[in-house]
Amino acid sequence: MYTALVVVAVLLAVALGAAGVVLGEADDSPGLQGLGVLLALGAVVLGYRTLRRAR
C-alpha cells in the first residue's frame, strides 16, 4: 500500500512538472520551465530514495 502511494505521488508531481515545462514553453518563460524540470526530477529522486529506504 505504501509503495503504491509513493508511486502515485511521484507520477502526480512528474505530471505537474511536465505541465510547467509545456506552459513555460507556450508563454516563453524559462523560469517556469526550469521549475517544472526541477519539480519532476526532484520527485523522481525523492520517490526513488523513499522506496529504497522502505525495503
Protein backbone atom coordinates (compact mmCIF):
# COMPACT_ATOMS: atom_id res chain seq x y z
CA MET A 1 0.00 0.00 0.00
CA TYR A 2 2.81 2.42 0.92
CA THR A 3 4.63 1.72 -2.35
CA ALA A 4 1.53 2.45 -4.40
CA LEU A 5 1.02 5.74 -2.59
CA VAL A 6 4.60 6.83 -3.25
CA VAL A 7 4.34 5.87 -6.93
CA VAL A 8 1.09 7.82 -7.35
CA ALA A 9 2.60 10.88 -5.64
CA VAL A 10 5.69 10.73 -7.87
CA LEU A 11 3.59 10.37 -11.02
CA LEU A 12 1.43 13.32 -10.00
CA ALA A 13 4.48 15.50 -9.32
CA VAL A 14 6.07 14.49 -12.64
CA ALA A 15 2.83 15.34 -14.45
CA LEU A 16 2.76 18.76 -12.77
CA GLY A 17 6.40 19.31 -13.71
CA ALA A 18 5.71 18.36 -17.31
CA ALA A 19 2.74 20.74 -17.37
CA GLY A 20 5.01 23.50 -16.06
CA VAL A 21 7.51 22.84 -18.85
CA VAL A 22 4.79 22.87 -21.50
CA LEU A 23 3.14 26.02 -20.15
CA GLY A 24 6.51 27.70 -19.80
CA GLU A 25 7.29 26.91 -23.43
CA ALA A 26 3.96 28.34 -24.58
CA ASP A 27 4.48 31.53 -22.58
CA ASP A 28 8.22 31.74 -23.39
CA SER A 29 9.05 31.64 -19.69
CA PRO A 30 12.39 29.98 -18.95
CA GLY A 31 11.83 30.26 -15.20
CA LEU A 32 8.64 28.20 -15.32
CA GLN A 33 10.34 25.61 -17.49
CA GLY A 34 13.21 25.36 -15.02
CA LEU A 35 10.86 24.97 -12.09
CA GLY A 36 8.94 22.27 -13.96
CA VAL A 37 12.13 20.34 -14.65
CA LEU A 38 13.27 20.70 -11.03
CA LEU A 39 9.89 19.53 -9.77
CA ALA A 40 9.88 16.45 -11.99
CA LEU A 41 13.49 15.48 -11.28
CA GLY A 42 13.12 16.14 -7.57
CA ALA A 43 10.02 13.97 -7.38
CA VAL A 44 11.76 11.09 -9.13
CA VAL A 45 14.82 11.32 -6.88
CA LEU A 46 12.82 11.59 -3.66
CA GLY A 47 10.50 8.78 -4.72
CA TYR A 48 13.45 6.54 -5.53
CA ARG A 49 15.12 7.28 -2.20
CA THR A 50 11.88 6.68 -0.31
CA LEU A 51 11.26 3.33 -1.96
CA ARG A 52 14.87 2.19 -1.42
CA ARG A 53 14.73 3.05 2.28
CA ALA A 54 11.36 1.30 2.73
CA ARG A 55 12.88 -2.11 1.96
